[in-house]
């Protein structure tokens, strides 16, 4: 693990330890965050800790054409219970990702500093979101009017590198809402010929949707245009 200086550089990826921990310190400036993601590195730390930078091996990714949609999810999609928008309410999405209760975590890893940094990235057109809305009026659900009363019940956000989408976090307040966001994103990116969605580290939720682990070297090769 290397302590970062004020210079806009990261240590070589191969110096990361077995958990992927590469460096500590630095800042969350737009320039440093962009350099990090383009280099296969991301920040991950808790409130009260210094900024910690990771580059795990293996890397969890989804190749958009390998997306898996279960029969039960296909039925849910057909019911038109949700309306999905793209990059329309980033601030609310990241706020929910920060504050939603997660059984597997003792607390949030999205610090106040990190939240503000990614909002700045959003304003620069770099960080983007997917929003999942639920309508409570049956007529609205049938017509899919965005103007009807609705509630944000799920979503995700990440960094858009133009050929790779680096997923950061997702949330769900009702069953399957985060899956809807991920499915929408994968299908959108496949149409736009993106190489992959970076999911960072393994979890069962994303594996059920077709995400898989690849070596860090392969990931870095795909990350380069």
C-alpha atoms as a PDB file:
ATOM      1  CA  UNK A   1       0.000   0.000   0.000  1.00  0.00           C
ATOM      2  CA  UNK A   2       1.385   3.384  -0.992  1.00  0.00           C
ATOM      3  CA  UNK A   3       0.643   6.775   0.538  1.00  0.00           C
ATOM      4  CA  UNK A   4      -0.421   9.195  -2.190  1.00  0.00           C
ATOM      5  CA  UNK A   5       1.202  12.597  -2.578  1.00  0.00           C
ATOM      6  CA  UNK A   6      -0.361  15.692  -4.114  1.00  0.00           C
ATOM      7  CA  UNK A   7       0.884  14.524  -7.503  1.00  0.00           C
ATOM      8  CA  UNK A   8      -1.847  13.248  -9.817  1.00  0.00           C
ATOM      9  CA  UNK A   9      -0.425   9.715 -10.033  1.00  0.00           C
ATOM     10  CA  UNK A  10      -1.216   6.248  -8.682  1.00  0.00           C
ATOM     11  CA  UNK A  11       1.250   3.448  -7.980  1.00  0.00           C
ATOM     12  CA  UNK A  12       1.442   0.539 -10.471  1.00  0.00           C
ATOM     13  CA  UNK A  13      -1.613  -1.726 -10.240  1.00  0.00           C
ATOM     14  CA  UNK A  14       0.464  -4.851  -9.542  1.00  0.00           C
ATOM     15  CA  UNK A  15       1.445  -3.381  -6.164  1.00  0.00           C
ATOM     16  CA  UNK A  16      -2.100  -3.871  -4.816  1.00  0.00           C
ATOM     17  CA  UNK A  17      -2.334  -6.434  -2.003  1.00  0.00           C
ATOM     18  CA  UNK A  18      -4.430  -9.611  -2.154  1.00  0.00           C
ATOM     19  CA  UNK A  19      -7.572  -7.670  -1.193  1.00  0.00           C
ATOM     20  CA  UNK A  20      -6.974  -5.145  -3.952  1.00  0.00           C
ATOM     21  CA  UNK A  21      -5.864  -2.331  -1.638  1.00  0.00           C
ATOM     22  CA  UNK A  22      -3.491  -0.150  -3.632  1.00  0.00           C
ATOM     23  CA  UNK A  23      -3.055   3.273  -2.043  1.00  0.00           C
ATOM     24  CA  UNK A  24      -4.226   5.604   0.680  1.00  0.00           C
ATOM     25  CA  UNK A  25      -4.720   9.366   0.802  1.00  0.00           C
ATOM     26  CA  UNK A  26      -5.009  11.908  -1.975  1.00  0.00           C
ATOM     27  CA  UNK A  27      -8.308  13.612  -2.696  1.00  0.00           C
ATOM     28  CA  UNK A  28     -11.611  13.183  -4.522  1.00  0.00           C
ATOM     29  CA  UNK A  29     -11.037  15.861  -7.136  1.00  0.00           C
ATOM     30  CA  UNK A  30     -12.587  15.398 -10.561  1.00  0.00           C
ATOM     31  CA  UNK A  31      -9.122  14.970 -12.073  1.00  0.00           C
ATOM     32  CA  UNK A  32      -8.008  12.275  -9.628  1.00  0.00           C
ATOM     33  CA  UNK A  33     -11.275  10.347  -9.794  1.00  0.00           C
ATOM     34  CA  UNK A  34     -11.207  10.339 -13.600  1.00  0.00           C
ATOM     35  CA  UNK A  35      -7.611   9.139 -13.589  1.00  0.00           C
ATOM     36  CA  UNK A  36      -8.510   6.424 -11.098  1.00  0.00           C
ATOM     37  CA  UNK A  37     -11.414   4.978 -13.064  1.00  0.00           C
ATOM     38  CA  UNK A  38      -9.502   5.089 -16.333  1.00  0.00           C
ATOM     39  CA  UNK A  39      -6.730   3.154 -14.562  1.00  0.00           C
ATOM     40  CA  UNK A  40      -9.027   0.483 -13.076  1.00  0.00           C
ATOM     41  CA  UNK A  41      -8.948   1.986  -9.569  1.00  0.00           C
ATOM     42  CA  UNK A  42     -11.804   3.159  -7.337  1.00  0.00           C
ATOM     43  CA  UNK A  43     -12.172   4.685  -3.825  1.00  0.00           C
ATOM     44  CA  UNK A  44     -13.790   2.624  -1.082  1.00  0.00           C
ATOM     45  CA  UNK A  45     -13.660   3.639   2.566  1.00  0.00           C
ATOM     46  CA  UNK A  46     -15.831   4.515   5.554  1.00  0.00           C
ATOM     47  CA  UNK A  47     -16.641   7.805   7.245  1.00  0.00           C
ATOM     48  CA  UNK A  48     -13.760   8.898   9.458  1.00  0.00           C
ATOM     49  CA  UNK A  49     -11.159   6.935   7.479  1.00  0.00           C
ATOM     50  CA  UNK A  50      -8.637   8.323   4.986  1.00  0.00           C
ATOM     51  CA  UNK A  51      -9.428   7.797   1.306  1.00  0.00           C
ATOM     52  CA  UNK A  52      -8.528   4.229   0.331  1.00  0.00           C
ATOM     53  CA  UNK A  53      -8.036   3.169  -3.294  1.00  0.00           C
ATOM     54  CA  UNK A  54      -8.642  -0.350  -4.632  1.00  0.00           C
ATOM     55  CA  UNK A  55      -7.962  -2.389  -7.740  1.00  0.00           C
ATOM     56  CA  UNK A  56      -9.125  -5.959  -6.978  1.00  0.00           C
ATOM     57  CA  UNK A  57      -8.115  -9.133  -8.775  1.00  0.00           C
ATOM     58  CA  UNK A  58     -10.273 -10.791  -9.998  1.00  0.00           C
ATOM     59  CA  UNK A  59     -12.717  -8.133 -11.180  1.00  0.00           C
ATOM     60  CA  UNK A  60     -16.494  -8.593 -11.344  1.00  0.00           C
ATOM     61  CA  UNK A  61     -17.943  -7.419 -14.675  1.00  0.00           C
ATOM     62  CA  UNK A  62     -20.971  -7.839 -16.879  1.00  0.00           C
ATOM     63  CA  UNK A  63     -20.572  -8.120 -20.622  1.00  0.00           C
ATOM     64  CA  UNK A  64     -23.904  -6.574 -21.717  1.00  0.00           C
ATOM     65  CA  UNK A  65     -24.681  -9.321 -24.232  1.00  0.00           C
ATOM     66  CA  UNK A  66     -24.391 -11.894 -21.421  1.00  0.00           C
ATOM     67  CA  UNK A  67     -27.168 -10.329 -19.341  1.00  0.00           C
ATOM     68  CA  UNK A  68     -29.432 -12.971 -17.799  1.00  0.00           C
ATOM     69  CA  UNK A  69     -33.099 -12.180 -17.220  1.00  0.00           C
ATOM     70  CA  UNK A  70     -34.975 -14.861 -15.291  1.00  0.00           C
ATOM     71  CA  UNK A  71     -38.489 -15.935 -16.223  1.00  0.00           C
ATOM     72  CA  UNK A  72     -39.834 -14.284 -13.088  1.00  0.00           C
ATOM     73  CA  UNK A  73     -38.140 -10.979 -13.970  1.00  0.00           C
ATOM     74  CA  UNK A  74     -39.523 -11.147 -17.509  1.00  0.00           C
ATOM     75  CA  UNK A  75     -43.005 -11.434 -16.008  1.00  0.00           C
ATOM     76  CA  UNK A  76     -42.373  -8.445 -13.750  1.00  0.00           C
ATOM     77  CA  UNK A  77     -41.176  -6.390 -16.729  1.00  0.00           C
ATOM     78  CA  UNK A  78     -44.362  -7.288 -18.649  1.00  0.00           C
ATOM     79  CA  UNK A  79     -46.541  -6.024 -15.798  1.00  0.00           C
ATOM     80  CA  UNK A  80     -45.321  -2.436 -16.384  1.00  0.00           C
ATOM     81  CA  UNK A  81     -45.247  -1.686 -12.676  1.00  0.00           C
ATOM     82  CA  UNK A  82     -42.212   0.555 -13.031  1.00  0.00           C
ATOM     83  CA  UNK A  83     -41.105   3.492 -15.146  1.00  0.00           C
ATOM     84  CA  UNK A  84     -37.374   3.781 -15.720  1.00  0.00           C
ATOM     85  CA  UNK A  85     -35.508   6.979 -16.542  1.00  0.00           C
ATOM     86  CA  UNK A  86     -31.864   7.627 -17.326  1.00  0.00           C
ATOM     87  CA  UNK A  87     -29.788  10.311 -15.646  1.00  0.00           C
ATOM     88  CA  UNK A  88     -32.791  12.385 -14.587  1.00  0.00           C
ATOM     89  CA  UNK A  89     -32.371  12.563 -10.797  1.00  0.00           C
ATOM     90  CA  UNK A  90     -28.780  11.776  -9.879  1.00  0.00           C
ATOM     91  CA  UNK A  91     -28.801  13.564  -6.531  1.00  0.00           C
ATOM     92  CA  UNK A  92     -31.774  11.590  -5.258  1.00  0.00           C
ATOM     93  CA  UNK A  93     -30.286   8.304  -6.450  1.00  0.00           C
ATOM     94  CA  UNK A  94     -26.943   8.798  -4.707  1.00  0.00           C
ATOM     95  CA  UNK A  95     -28.707  10.046  -1.564  1.00  0.00           C
ATOM     96  CA  UNK A  96     -30.751   6.845  -1.458  1.00  0.00           C
ATOM     97  CA  UNK A  97     -27.684   4.691  -2.111  1.00  0.00           C
ATOM     98  CA  UNK A  98     -26.011   6.461   0.798  1.00  0.00           C
ATOM     99  CA  UNK A  99     -28.890   6.175   3.246  1.00  0.00           C
ATOM    100  CA  UNK A 100     -30.700   2.933   2.439  1.00  0.00           C
ATOM    101  CA  UNK A 101     -30.371   0.203   5.073  1.00  0.00           C
ATOM    102  CA  UNK A 102     -28.270  -2.798   4.033  1.00  0.00           C
ATOM    103  CA  UNK A 103     -28.321  -5.964   6.134  1.00  0.00           C
ATOM    104  CA  UNK A 104     -24.822  -6.966   5.019  1.00  0.00           C
ATOM    105  CA  UNK A 105     -23.214  -3.647   6.021  1.00  0.00           C
ATOM    106  CA  UNK A 106     -22.835  -2.001   9.385  1.00  0.00           C
ATOM    107  CA  UNK A 107     -23.023   1.445   7.817  1.00  0.00           C
ATOM    108  CA  UNK A 108     -22.691   3.351   4.596  1.00  0.00           C
ATOM    109  CA  UNK A 109     -19.407   3.595   2.684  1.00  0.00           C
ATOM    110  CA  UNK A 110     -20.670   6.606   0.738  1.00  0.00           C
ATOM    111  CA  UNK A 111     -19.300   9.437   2.855  1.00  0.00           C
ATOM    112  CA  UNK A 112     -20.556  13.002   2.674  1.00  0.00           C
ATOM    113  CA  UNK A 113     -17.314  13.935   0.901  1.00  0.00           C
ATOM    114  CA  UNK A 114     -17.790  11.143  -1.629  1.00  0.00           C
ATOM    115  CA  UNK A 115     -21.422  12.109  -2.241  1.00  0.00           C
ATOM    116  CA  UNK A 116     -20.466  15.691  -3.080  1.00  0.00           C
ATOM    117  CA  UNK A 117     -17.557  14.535  -5.275  1.00  0.00           C
ATOM    118  CA  UNK A 118     -19.809  12.361  -7.424  1.00  0.00           C
ATOM    119  CA  UNK A 119     -22.410  15.105  -7.706  1.00  0.00           C
ATOM    120  CA  UNK A 120     -19.639  17.272  -9.171  1.00  0.00           C
ATOM    121  CA  UNK A 121     -18.786  14.447 -11.581  1.00  0.00           C
ATOM    122  CA  UNK A 122     -22.454  14.296 -12.564  1.00  0.00           C
ATOM    123  CA  UNK A 123     -22.504  18.019 -13.316  1.00  0.00           C
ATOM    124  CA  UNK A 124     -19.524  17.402 -15.633  1.00  0.00           C
ATOM    125  CA  UNK A 125     -21.462  14.659 -17.452  1.00  0.00           C
ATOM    126  CA  UNK A 126     -19.212  11.897 -16.112  1.00  0.00           C
ATOM    127  CA  UNK A 127     -21.294  10.301 -13.347  1.00  0.00           C
ATOM    128  CA  UNK A 128     -24.736   9.087 -14.422  1.00  0.00           C
ATOM    129  CA  UNK A 129     -27.744   7.364 -12.909  1.00  0.00           C
ATOM    130  CA  UNK A 130     -30.677   5.095 -13.628  1.00  0.00           C
ATOM    131  CA  UNK A 131     -33.936   5.784 -11.773  1.00  0.00           C
ATOM    132  CA  UNK A 132     -36.751   3.312 -11.157  1.00  0.00           C
ATOM    133  CA  UNK A 133     -40.141   4.823 -10.342  1.00  0.00           C
ATOM    134  CA  UNK A 134     -43.300   3.133  -9.111  1.00  0.00           C
ATOM    135  CA  UNK A 135     -46.748   4.508  -9.865  1.00  0.00           C
ATOM    136  CA  UNK A 136     -49.530   4.070  -7.345  1.00  0.00           C
ATOM    137  CA  UNK A 137     -52.444   4.995  -9.612  1.00  0.00           C
ATOM    138  CA  UNK A 138     -53.419   1.997 -11.800  1.00  0.00           C
ATOM    139  CA  UNK A 139     -54.301   4.341 -14.678  1.00  0.00           C
ATOM    140  CA  UNK A 140     -50.812   5.795 -14.537  1.00  0.00           C
ATOM    141  CA  UNK A 141     -49.237   2.356 -14.571  1.00  0.00           C
ATOM    142  CA  UNK A 142     -51.224   1.418 -17.641  1.00  0.00           C
ATOM    143  CA  UNK A 143     -50.487   4.631 -19.528  1.00  0.00           C
ATOM    144  CA  UNK A 144     -46.942   4.939 -18.123  1.00  0.00           C
ATOM    145  CA  UNK A 145     -47.339   8.690 -17.717  1.00  0.00           C
ATOM    146  CA  UNK A 146     -44.174  10.089 -16.177  1.00  0.00           C
ATOM    147  CA  UNK A 147     -46.187  13.079 -14.954  1.00  0.00           C
ATOM    148  CA  UNK A 148     -48.371  10.988 -12.641  1.00  0.00           C
ATOM    149  CA  UNK A 149     -47.648  10.713  -8.937  1.00  0.00           C
ATOM    150  CA  UNK A 150     -44.695   8.409  -8.545  1.00  0.00           C
ATOM    151  CA  UNK A 151     -42.043   7.417  -6.050  1.00  0.00           C
ATOM    152  CA  UNK A 152     -38.376   6.644  -6.587  1.00  0.00           C
ATOM    153  CA  UNK A 153     -38.025   3.038  -5.421  1.00  0.00           C
ATOM    154  CA  UNK A 154     -34.724   1.963  -6.942  1.00  0.00           C
ATOM    155  CA  UNK A 155     -31.755   2.981  -8.992  1.00  0.00           C
ATOM    156  CA  UNK A 156     -28.021   2.935  -9.504  1.00  0.00           C
ATOM    157  CA  UNK A 157     -25.205   5.290 -10.401  1.00  0.00           C
ATOM    158  CA  UNK A 158     -21.692   5.057 -11.769  1.00  0.00           C
ATOM    159  CA  UNK A 159     -19.000   6.545 -13.948  1.00  0.00           C
ATOM    160  CA  UNK A 160     -19.478   6.608 -17.726  1.00  0.00           C
ATOM    161  CA  UNK A 161     -16.163   6.276 -19.565  1.00  0.00           C
ATOM    162  CA  UNK A 162     -17.805   6.140 -22.990  1.00  0.00           C
ATOM    163  CA  UNK A 163     -17.060   2.457 -23.620  1.00  0.00           C
ATOM    164  CA  UNK A 164     -17.178   1.098 -20.062  1.00  0.00           C
ATOM    165  CA  UNK A 165     -19.689   1.950 -17.328  1.00  0.00           C
ATOM    166  CA  UNK A 166     -18.156   1.707 -13.858  1.00  0.00           C
ATOM    167  CA  UNK A 167     -21.007   0.843 -11.506  1.00  0.00           C
ATOM    168  CA  UNK A 168     -20.687   2.314  -8.018  1.00  0.00           C
ATOM    169  CA  UNK A 169     -23.818   1.570  -6.018  1.00  0.00           C
ATOM    170  CA  UNK A 170     -27.483   0.635  -6.322  1.00  0.00           C
ATOM    171  CA  UNK A 171     -30.484   0.657  -4.030  1.00  0.00           C
ATOM    172  CA  UNK A 172     -33.924  -0.896  -3.872  1.00  0.00           C
ATOM    173  CA  UNK A 173     -36.874   0.036  -1.685  1.00  0.00           C
ATOM    174  CA  UNK A 174     -39.206  -2.560  -3.186  1.00  0.00           C
ATOM    175  CA  UNK A 175     -38.509  -6.028  -4.526  1.00  0.00           C
ATOM    176  CA  UNK A 176     -36.671  -6.179  -7.853  1.00  0.00           C
ATOM    177  CA  UNK A 177     -36.267  -2.409  -8.303  1.00  0.00           C
ATOM    178  CA  UNK A 178     -32.461  -2.501  -8.401  1.00  0.00           C
ATOM    179  CA  UNK A 179     -32.604  -5.459 -10.809  1.00  0.00           C
ATOM    180  CA  UNK A 180     -34.843  -3.395 -13.084  1.00  0.00           C
ATOM    181  CA  UNK A 181     -32.266  -0.587 -13.045  1.00  0.00           C
ATOM    182  CA  UNK A 182     -29.402  -2.954 -13.849  1.00  0.00           C
ATOM    183  CA  UNK A 183     -31.304  -4.709 -16.641  1.00  0.00           C
ATOM    184  CA  UNK A 184     -32.245  -1.379 -18.196  1.00  0.00           C
ATOM    185  CA  UNK A 185     -28.633  -0.183 -18.057  1.00  0.00           C
ATOM    186  CA  UNK A 186     -27.237  -3.395 -19.550  1.00  0.00           C
ATOM    187  CA  UNK A 187     -29.694  -3.360 -22.443  1.00  0.00           C
ATOM    188  CA  UNK A 188     -29.041   0.328 -23.104  1.00  0.00           C
ATOM    189  CA  UNK A 189     -25.271  -0.144 -23.109  1.00  0.00           C
ATOM    190  CA  UNK A 190     -25.440  -3.204 -25.344  1.00  0.00           C
ATOM    191  CA  UNK A 191     -27.258  -1.126 -27.975  1.00  0.00           C
ATOM    192  CA  UNK A 192     -24.540   1.525 -27.652  1.00  0.00           C
ATOM    193  CA  UNK A 193     -21.743  -1.054 -28.039  1.00  0.00           C
ATOM    194  CA  UNK A 194     -20.216  -0.615 -24.593  1.00  0.00           C
ATOM    195  CA  UNK A 195     -17.628  -3.249 -23.725  1.00  0.00           C
ATOM    196  CA  UNK A 196     -18.763  -3.960 -20.177  1.00  0.00           C
ATOM    197  CA  UNK A 197     -20.205  -2.814 -16.877  1.00  0.00           C
ATOM    198  CA  UNK A 198     -17.625  -2.827 -14.100  1.00  0.00           C
ATOM    199  CA  UNK A 199     -19.202  -4.326 -10.977  1.00  0.00           C
ATOM    200  CA  UNK A 200     -15.946  -4.198  -8.973  1.00  0.00           C
ATOM    201  CA  UNK A 201     -16.224  -7.190  -6.621  1.00  0.00           C
ATOM    202  CA  UNK A 202     -18.287 -10.385  -6.562  1.00  0.00           C
ATOM    203  CA  UNK A 203     -21.797 -10.519  -5.164  1.00  0.00           C
ATOM    204  CA  UNK A 204     -24.576 -13.035  -5.683  1.00  0.00           C
ATOM    205  CA  UNK A 205     -27.120 -10.425  -6.768  1.00  0.00           C
ATOM    206  CA  UNK A 206     -25.108  -9.420  -9.833  1.00  0.00           C
ATOM    207  CA  UNK A 207     -23.941 -12.957 -10.554  1.00  0.00           C
ATOM    208  CA  UNK A 208     -27.604 -13.975 -10.927  1.00  0.00           C
ATOM    209  CA  UNK A 209     -27.890 -11.336 -13.676  1.00  0.00           C
ATOM    210  CA  UNK A 210     -24.945 -12.686 -15.624  1.00  0.00           C
ATOM    211  CA  UNK A 211     -21.987 -10.821 -14.125  1.00  0.00           C
ATOM    212  CA  UNK A 212     -18.760 -12.817 -13.881  1.00  0.00           C
ATOM    213  CA  UNK A 213     -15.224 -12.538 -12.577  1.00  0.00           C
ATOM    214  CA  UNK A 214     -12.314 -11.924 -14.920  1.00  0.00           C
ATOM    215  CA  UNK A 215      -8.653 -11.309 -14.199  1.00  0.00           C
ATOM    216  CA  UNK A 216      -7.515  -7.781 -13.484  1.00  0.00           C
ATOM    217  CA  UNK A 217      -5.167  -7.943 -16.472  1.00  0.00           C
ATOM    218  CA  UNK A 218      -8.063  -8.798 -18.794  1.00  0.00           C
ATOM    219  CA  UNK A 219     -10.146  -6.045 -17.258  1.00  0.00           C
ATOM    220  CA  UNK A 220      -7.401  -3.457 -17.771  1.00  0.00           C
ATOM    221  CA  UNK A 221      -7.001  -4.537 -21.392  1.00  0.00           C
ATOM    222  CA  UNK A 222     -10.738  -4.056 -21.996  1.00  0.00           C
ATOM    223  CA  UNK A 223     -10.628  -0.732 -20.179  1.00  0.00           C
ATOM    224  CA  UNK A 224      -8.241   0.665 -22.774  1.00  0.00           C
ATOM    225  CA  UNK A 225      -9.921   1.947 -25.921  1.00  0.00           C
END
